[in-house]
Amino acid sequence: MGSACPGSVSSLHDRLRALPLFADLDEDELQALSAATSELEAPAGQMLIERGRPGSGLFILETGQAVVEAPEGQRELGPGDVFGERALLGDDVQRTARVRASTNVRCLAISRDAIEDLMRRRPEVAQRLSS
């Protein structure tokens, strides 16, 4: 995966708050999520998710473009799109698709433990991720 980029918790906090997925979280929930979030940058062509690997968390594409290669076909991702969530929602904890950066990308990466904890406390987050 790409290298972690420095970012302040407050800027991560604000960026997470701006996402519809997390807009209704309270301050404590956002602080916990911010602490479990890192920024990743990857060059065009780099694999972001490998099929068959365990799901370690989810990603939110902030800049750039990526392509998902899944059994049901291929689709493009752009800023604001979430990926990697399927391995967190179902019984199968392995990745079912590959995701490759089409251009240079910057993503927010949120750990599996933090997302699972949030989904236990806020089932509506799981519902948003699955739709």
N, C-alpha and C. Protein backbone atom coordinates (compact mmCIF):
# COMPACT_ATOMS: atom_id res chain seq x y z
N MET A 1 0.85 -1.17 0.00
CA MET A 1 0.00 0.00 0.00
C MET A 1 0.89 1.23 0.00
N GLY A 2 0.33 2.39 -0.19
CA GLY A 2 1.08 3.64 -0.27
C GLY A 2 1.63 4.04 1.08
N SER A 3 2.32 5.13 1.10
CA SER A 3 2.92 5.60 2.34
C SER A 3 1.92 6.45 3.11
N ALA A 4 2.02 6.37 4.42
CA ALA A 4 1.14 7.19 5.26
C ALA A 4 1.58 8.64 5.14
N CYS A 5 0.62 9.53 5.13
CA CYS A 5 0.89 10.96 5.02
C CYS A 5 0.57 11.62 6.33
N PRO A 6 1.35 12.59 6.74
CA PRO A 6 1.02 13.27 7.98
C PRO A 6 -0.26 14.07 7.82
N GLY A 7 -1.04 14.10 8.87
CA GLY A 7 -2.27 14.89 8.87
C GLY A 7 -2.70 15.08 10.30
N SER A 8 -3.20 16.22 10.64
CA SER A 8 -3.60 16.45 12.02
C SER A 8 -4.95 15.80 12.26
N VAL A 9 -5.16 15.41 13.52
CA VAL A 9 -6.43 14.78 13.88
C VAL A 9 -7.58 15.74 13.61
N SER A 10 -7.38 17.04 13.87
CA SER A 10 -8.48 17.98 13.65
C SER A 10 -8.84 18.06 12.16
N SER A 11 -7.86 18.03 11.27
CA SER A 11 -8.21 18.08 9.85
C SER A 11 -8.89 16.77 9.44
N LEU A 12 -8.45 15.65 9.97
CA LEU A 12 -9.13 14.38 9.70
C LEU A 12 -10.55 14.43 10.24
N HIS A 13 -10.68 14.96 11.44
CA HIS A 13 -11.99 15.11 12.08
C HIS A 13 -12.94 15.89 11.16
N ASP A 14 -12.48 17.02 10.65
CA ASP A 14 -13.31 17.85 9.77
C ASP A 14 -13.64 17.14 8.46
N ARG A 15 -12.66 16.42 7.91
CA ARG A 15 -12.88 15.72 6.66
C ARG A 15 -13.85 14.55 6.84
N LEU A 16 -13.76 13.85 7.97
CA LEU A 16 -14.71 12.78 8.25
C LEU A 16 -16.11 13.34 8.47
N ARG A 17 -16.21 14.45 9.19
CA ARG A 17 -17.50 15.09 9.46
C ARG A 17 -18.19 15.49 8.14
N ALA A 18 -17.41 15.86 7.13
CA ALA A 18 -17.97 16.31 5.85
C ALA A 18 -18.54 15.17 5.02
N LEU A 19 -18.23 13.93 5.36
CA LEU A 19 -18.71 12.78 4.59
C LEU A 19 -20.12 12.40 5.03
N PRO A 20 -21.04 12.22 4.09
CA PRO A 20 -22.41 11.83 4.46
C PRO A 20 -22.46 10.58 5.34
N LEU A 21 -21.54 9.66 5.14
CA LEU A 21 -21.49 8.43 5.92
C LEU A 21 -21.36 8.70 7.42
N PHE A 22 -20.64 9.77 7.77
CA PHE A 22 -20.34 10.05 9.18
C PHE A 22 -20.91 11.37 9.67
N ALA A 23 -21.72 12.05 8.88
CA ALA A 23 -22.17 13.40 9.20
C ALA A 23 -22.96 13.50 10.51
N ASP A 24 -23.65 12.42 10.91
CA ASP A 24 -24.48 12.50 12.11
C ASP A 24 -23.80 11.95 13.36
N LEU A 25 -22.51 11.65 13.29
CA LEU A 25 -21.80 11.15 14.47
C LEU A 25 -21.59 12.28 15.47
N ASP A 26 -21.58 11.93 16.74
CA ASP A 26 -21.31 12.95 17.75
C ASP A 26 -19.79 13.18 17.86
N GLU A 27 -19.41 14.17 18.64
CA GLU A 27 -17.99 14.55 18.71
C GLU A 27 -17.10 13.42 19.22
N ASP A 28 -17.55 12.68 20.24
CA ASP A 28 -16.75 11.58 20.76
C ASP A 28 -16.55 10.49 19.71
N GLU A 29 -17.61 10.18 18.98
CA GLU A 29 -17.50 9.17 17.93
C GLU A 29 -16.55 9.62 16.83
N LEU A 30 -16.64 10.89 16.46
CA LEU A 30 -15.74 11.42 15.42
C LEU A 30 -14.30 11.44 15.90
N GLN A 31 -14.08 11.77 17.16
CA GLN A 31 -12.71 11.77 17.70
C GLN A 31 -12.12 10.36 17.66
N ALA A 32 -12.91 9.37 18.07
CA ALA A 32 -12.44 7.98 18.04
C ALA A 32 -12.14 7.54 16.62
N LEU A 33 -13.01 7.90 15.69
CA LEU A 33 -12.81 7.54 14.29
C LEU A 33 -11.57 8.23 13.72
N SER A 34 -11.39 9.49 14.06
CA SER A 34 -10.21 10.24 13.60
C SER A 34 -8.92 9.58 14.08
N ALA A 35 -8.93 9.12 15.32
CA ALA A 35 -7.74 8.49 15.89
C ALA A 35 -7.40 7.18 15.18
N ALA A 36 -8.41 6.54 14.57
CA ALA A 36 -8.20 5.25 13.90
C ALA A 36 -8.08 5.41 12.38
N THR A 37 -7.95 6.66 11.93
CA THR A 37 -7.88 6.95 10.49
C THR A 37 -6.50 7.44 10.12
N SER A 38 -6.02 6.97 9.00
CA SER A 38 -4.75 7.47 8.47
C SER A 38 -4.96 7.89 7.03
N GLU A 39 -4.03 8.68 6.53
CA GLU A 39 -4.07 9.10 5.13
C GLU A 39 -3.07 8.25 4.36
N LEU A 40 -3.46 7.84 3.18
CA LEU A 40 -2.57 7.06 2.32
C LEU A 40 -2.51 7.73 0.96
N GLU A 41 -1.33 7.76 0.40
CA GLU A 41 -1.16 8.20 -0.98
C GLU A 41 -0.55 7.05 -1.76
N ALA A 42 -1.00 6.89 -2.99
CA ALA A 42 -0.47 5.83 -3.84
C ALA A 42 -0.36 6.35 -5.26
N PRO A 43 0.67 5.91 -5.98
CA PRO A 43 0.82 6.33 -7.38
C PRO A 43 -0.10 5.56 -8.30
N ALA A 44 -0.33 6.11 -9.48
CA ALA A 44 -1.12 5.43 -10.51
C ALA A 44 -0.55 4.04 -10.73
N GLY A 45 -1.46 3.07 -10.84
CA GLY A 45 -1.06 1.69 -11.09
C GLY A 45 -0.90 0.84 -9.85
N GLN A 46 -0.78 1.46 -8.69
CA GLN A 46 -0.58 0.68 -7.47
C GLN A 46 -1.87 -0.01 -7.04
N MET A 47 -1.73 -1.26 -6.58
CA MET A 47 -2.85 -2.02 -6.06
C MET A 47 -3.17 -1.49 -4.65
N LEU A 48 -4.44 -1.16 -4.42
CA LEU A 48 -4.88 -0.67 -3.12
C LEU A 48 -5.50 -1.79 -2.29
N ILE A 49 -6.18 -2.70 -2.96
CA ILE A 49 -6.78 -3.87 -2.32
C ILE A 49 -6.53 -5.07 -3.22
N GLU A 50 -6.13 -6.17 -2.60
CA GLU A 50 -5.91 -7.42 -3.33
C GLU A 50 -7.04 -8.40 -3.02
N ARG A 51 -7.60 -9.00 -4.04
CA ARG A 51 -8.64 -10.02 -3.87
C ARG A 51 -8.08 -11.18 -3.05
N GLY A 52 -8.92 -11.71 -2.13
CA GLY A 52 -8.53 -12.86 -1.33
C GLY A 52 -7.80 -12.52 -0.05
N ARG A 53 -7.41 -11.27 0.13
CA ARG A 53 -6.73 -10.84 1.35
C ARG A 53 -7.75 -10.50 2.42
N PRO A 54 -7.39 -10.61 3.69
CA PRO A 54 -8.32 -10.23 4.76
C PRO A 54 -8.64 -8.73 4.69
N GLY A 55 -9.87 -8.38 5.04
CA GLY A 55 -10.29 -6.98 5.06
C GLY A 55 -9.78 -6.30 6.32
N SER A 56 -8.86 -5.35 6.16
CA SER A 56 -8.26 -4.69 7.32
C SER A 56 -8.95 -3.38 7.67
N GLY A 57 -9.88 -2.95 6.84
CA GLY A 57 -10.57 -1.69 7.08
C GLY A 57 -11.23 -1.24 5.80
N LEU A 58 -11.67 0.02 5.82
CA LEU A 58 -12.25 0.57 4.61
C LEU A 58 -11.52 1.84 4.22
N PHE A 59 -11.73 2.23 2.98
CA PHE A 59 -11.05 3.38 2.40
C PHE A 59 -12.06 4.35 1.83
N ILE A 60 -11.73 5.62 1.91
CA ILE A 60 -12.53 6.67 1.28
C ILE A 60 -11.60 7.42 0.35
N LEU A 61 -11.90 7.40 -0.93
CA LEU A 61 -11.08 8.06 -1.93
C LEU A 61 -11.29 9.57 -1.82
N GLU A 62 -10.21 10.30 -1.59
CA GLU A 62 -10.32 11.76 -1.47
C GLU A 62 -9.95 12.47 -2.77
N THR A 63 -8.87 12.02 -3.39
CA THR A 63 -8.47 12.60 -4.68
C THR A 63 -8.02 11.49 -5.60
N GLY A 64 -8.21 11.70 -6.90
CA GLY A 64 -7.78 10.75 -7.90
C GLY A 64 -8.88 9.79 -8.30
N GLN A 65 -8.50 8.81 -9.09
CA GLN A 65 -9.42 7.82 -9.62
C GLN A 65 -8.85 6.42 -9.36
N ALA A 66 -9.74 5.46 -9.14
CA ALA A 66 -9.33 4.07 -8.97
C ALA A 66 -10.34 3.20 -9.71
N VAL A 67 -9.95 1.96 -9.96
CA VAL A 67 -10.85 1.03 -10.64
C VAL A 67 -11.01 -0.21 -9.76
N VAL A 68 -12.26 -0.65 -9.62
CA VAL A 68 -12.60 -1.87 -8.90
C VAL A 68 -12.74 -2.98 -9.92
N GLU A 69 -12.06 -4.08 -9.70
CA GLU A 69 -12.18 -5.26 -10.55
C GLU A 69 -12.78 -6.36 -9.69
N ALA A 70 -14.10 -6.58 -9.86
CA ALA A 70 -14.86 -7.52 -9.04
C ALA A 70 -15.45 -8.62 -9.91
N PRO A 71 -15.88 -9.73 -9.31
CA PRO A 71 -16.50 -10.80 -10.09
C PRO A 71 -17.68 -10.31 -10.94
N GLU A 72 -18.42 -9.30 -10.46
CA GLU A 72 -19.57 -8.81 -11.21
C GLU A 72 -19.21 -7.76 -12.25
N GLY A 73 -17.93 -7.43 -12.36
CA GLY A 73 -17.51 -6.48 -13.38
C GLY A 73 -16.58 -5.42 -12.84
N GLN A 74 -16.33 -4.44 -13.66
CA GLN A 74 -15.39 -3.37 -13.33
C GLN A 74 -16.16 -2.06 -13.15
N ARG A 75 -15.71 -1.21 -12.22
CA ARG A 75 -16.31 0.11 -12.08
C ARG A 75 -15.26 1.11 -11.63
N GLU A 76 -15.51 2.34 -11.99
CA GLU A 76 -14.59 3.43 -11.65
C GLU A 76 -14.99 4.06 -10.31
N LEU A 77 -13.99 4.46 -9.56
CA LEU A 77 -14.20 5.18 -8.30
C LEU A 77 -13.62 6.58 -8.43
N GLY A 78 -14.27 7.52 -7.78
CA GLY A 78 -13.79 8.89 -7.76
C GLY A 78 -13.87 9.45 -6.35
N PRO A 79 -13.48 10.71 -6.17
CA PRO A 79 -13.49 11.32 -4.84
C PRO A 79 -14.84 11.15 -4.14
N GLY A 80 -14.76 10.74 -2.86
CA GLY A 80 -15.94 10.53 -2.04
C GLY A 80 -16.41 9.08 -2.01
N ASP A 81 -15.93 8.25 -2.95
CA ASP A 81 -16.35 6.85 -2.98
C ASP A 81 -15.66 6.06 -1.87
N VAL A 82 -16.43 5.12 -1.30
CA VAL A 82 -15.95 4.23 -0.25
C VAL A 82 -15.68 2.87 -0.87
N PHE A 83 -14.58 2.24 -0.48
CA PHE A 83 -14.31 0.88 -0.95
C PHE A 83 -13.64 0.07 0.15
N GLY A 84 -13.74 -1.26 0.01
CA GLY A 84 -13.20 -2.16 1.01
C GLY A 84 -14.20 -2.53 2.09
N GLU A 85 -15.42 -2.02 1.99
CA GLU A 85 -16.42 -2.24 3.04
C GLU A 85 -17.05 -3.63 3.00
N ARG A 86 -17.06 -4.27 1.83
CA ARG A 86 -17.73 -5.58 1.73
C ARG A 86 -17.12 -6.61 2.66
N ALA A 87 -15.81 -6.58 2.82
CA ALA A 87 -15.14 -7.55 3.69
C ALA A 87 -15.42 -7.26 5.17
N LEU A 88 -16.06 -6.12 5.46
CA LEU A 88 -16.40 -5.78 6.84
C LEU A 88 -17.86 -6.06 7.15
N LEU A 89 -18.68 -6.24 6.12
CA LEU A 89 -20.13 -6.33 6.30
C LEU A 89 -20.66 -7.75 6.30
N GLY A 90 -20.03 -8.64 5.58
CA GLY A 90 -20.58 -9.99 5.42
C GLY A 90 -19.87 -11.01 6.29
N ASP A 91 -20.22 -12.26 6.06
CA ASP A 91 -19.58 -13.35 6.78
C ASP A 91 -18.19 -13.64 6.24
N ASP A 92 -17.97 -13.32 4.97
CA ASP A 92 -16.68 -13.55 4.33
C ASP A 92 -15.79 -12.35 4.62
N VAL A 93 -14.73 -12.57 5.39
CA VAL A 93 -13.88 -11.45 5.78
C VAL A 93 -12.76 -11.20 4.78
N GLN A 94 -12.74 -11.97 3.69
CA GLN A 94 -11.72 -11.75 2.66
C GLN A 94 -12.23 -10.79 1.60
N ARG A 95 -11.30 -10.09 1.00
CA ARG A 95 -11.62 -9.16 -0.07
C ARG A 95 -12.14 -9.93 -1.27
N THR A 96 -13.20 -9.42 -1.90
CA THR A 96 -13.78 -10.08 -3.07
C THR A 96 -13.40 -9.38 -4.37
N ALA A 97 -12.72 -8.25 -4.26
CA ALA A 97 -12.36 -7.48 -5.46
C ALA A 97 -10.94 -6.95 -5.32
N ARG A 98 -10.42 -6.54 -6.47
CA ARG A 98 -9.15 -5.81 -6.50
C ARG A 98 -9.49 -4.36 -6.74
N VAL A 99 -8.72 -3.48 -6.13
CA VAL A 99 -8.87 -2.04 -6.40
C VAL A 99 -7.48 -1.52 -6.72
N ARG A 100 -7.39 -0.86 -7.87
CA ARG A 100 -6.11 -0.34 -8.36
C ARG A 100 -6.25 1.16 -8.62
N ALA A 101 -5.24 1.92 -8.25
CA ALA A 101 -5.22 3.36 -8.52
C ALA A 101 -5.06 3.58 -10.02
N SER A 102 -5.99 4.33 -10.63
CA SER A 102 -5.88 4.67 -12.05
C SER A 102 -5.01 5.91 -12.23
N THR A 103 -5.05 6.78 -11.24
CA THR A 103 -4.23 7.99 -11.21
C THR A 103 -3.56 8.02 -9.84
N ASN A 104 -2.75 9.01 -9.58
CA ASN A 104 -2.26 9.20 -8.21
C ASN A 104 -3.48 9.44 -7.33
N VAL A 105 -3.51 8.79 -6.16
CA VAL A 105 -4.67 8.91 -5.28
C VAL A 105 -4.25 9.28 -3.86
N ARG A 106 -5.22 9.87 -3.15
CA ARG A 106 -5.10 10.06 -1.70
C ARG A 106 -6.39 9.51 -1.10
N CYS A 107 -6.23 8.66 -0.09
CA CYS A 107 -7.36 8.01 0.56
C CYS A 107 -7.28 8.19 2.07
N LEU A 108 -8.44 8.14 2.70
CA LEU A 108 -8.52 7.97 4.14
C LEU A 108 -8.69 6.47 4.37
N ALA A 109 -7.93 5.91 5.29
CA ALA A 109 -8.03 4.49 5.63
C ALA A 109 -8.45 4.39 7.08
N ILE A 110 -9.55 3.67 7.33
CA ILE A 110 -10.08 3.52 8.68
C ILE A 110 -9.99 2.05 9.07
N SER A 111 -9.43 1.79 10.24
CA SER A 111 -9.18 0.41 10.66
C SER A 111 -10.46 -0.39 10.84
N ARG A 112 -10.34 -1.68 10.61
CA ARG A 112 -11.46 -2.61 10.77
C ARG A 112 -12.07 -2.51 12.16
N ASP A 113 -11.22 -2.51 13.21
CA ASP A 113 -11.73 -2.46 14.58
C ASP A 113 -12.58 -1.22 14.82
N ALA A 114 -12.13 -0.08 14.33
CA ALA A 114 -12.87 1.17 14.54
C ALA A 114 -14.21 1.14 13.81
N ILE A 115 -14.23 0.64 12.58
CA ILE A 115 -15.49 0.57 11.82
C ILE A 115 -16.45 -0.44 12.46
N GLU A 116 -15.93 -1.60 12.86
CA GLU A 116 -16.81 -2.60 13.49
C GLU A 116 -17.39 -2.06 14.79
N ASP A 117 -16.58 -1.37 15.59
CA ASP A 117 -17.07 -0.78 16.83
C ASP A 117 -18.16 0.25 16.54
N LEU A 118 -17.90 1.10 15.56
CA LEU A 118 -18.88 2.12 15.19
C LEU A 118 -20.19 1.48 14.69
N MET A 119 -20.09 0.43 13.88
CA MET A 119 -21.30 -0.22 13.35
C MET A 119 -22.10 -0.91 14.46
N ARG A 120 -21.42 -1.40 15.49
CA ARG A 120 -22.13 -1.99 16.62
C ARG A 120 -22.94 -0.92 17.36
N ARG A 121 -22.34 0.25 17.55
CA ARG A 121 -23.01 1.33 18.28
C ARG A 121 -24.00 2.10 17.41
N ARG A 122 -23.72 2.17 16.12
CA ARG A 122 -24.55 2.95 15.19
C ARG A 122 -24.91 2.09 13.97
N PRO A 123 -25.92 1.23 14.11
CA PRO A 123 -26.29 0.32 13.01
C PRO A 123 -26.60 1.06 11.71
N GLU A 124 -27.00 2.31 11.78
CA GLU A 124 -27.30 3.05 10.55
C GLU A 124 -26.05 3.23 9.68
N VAL A 125 -24.87 3.23 10.28
CA VAL A 125 -23.63 3.31 9.49
C VAL A 125 -23.48 2.05 8.66
N ALA A 126 -23.75 0.90 9.26
CA ALA A 126 -23.69 -0.38 8.51
C ALA A 126 -24.72 -0.38 7.39
N GLN A 127 -25.91 0.16 7.66
CA GLN A 127 -26.95 0.22 6.62
C GLN A 127 -26.49 1.11 5.46
N ARG A 128 -25.86 2.25 5.77
CA ARG A 128 -25.39 3.14 4.69
C ARG A 128 -24.30 2.47 3.88
N LEU A 129 -23.40 1.74 4.56
CA LEU A 129 -22.32 1.06 3.86
C LEU A 129 -22.83 -0.05 2.95
N SER A 130 -23.91 -0.71 3.36
CA SER A 130 -24.39 -1.84 2.57
C SER A 130 -25.30 -1.41 1.41
N SER A 131 -25.69 -0.14 1.39
CA SER A 131 -26.58 0.28 0.28
C SER A 131 -25.81 0.89 -0.86
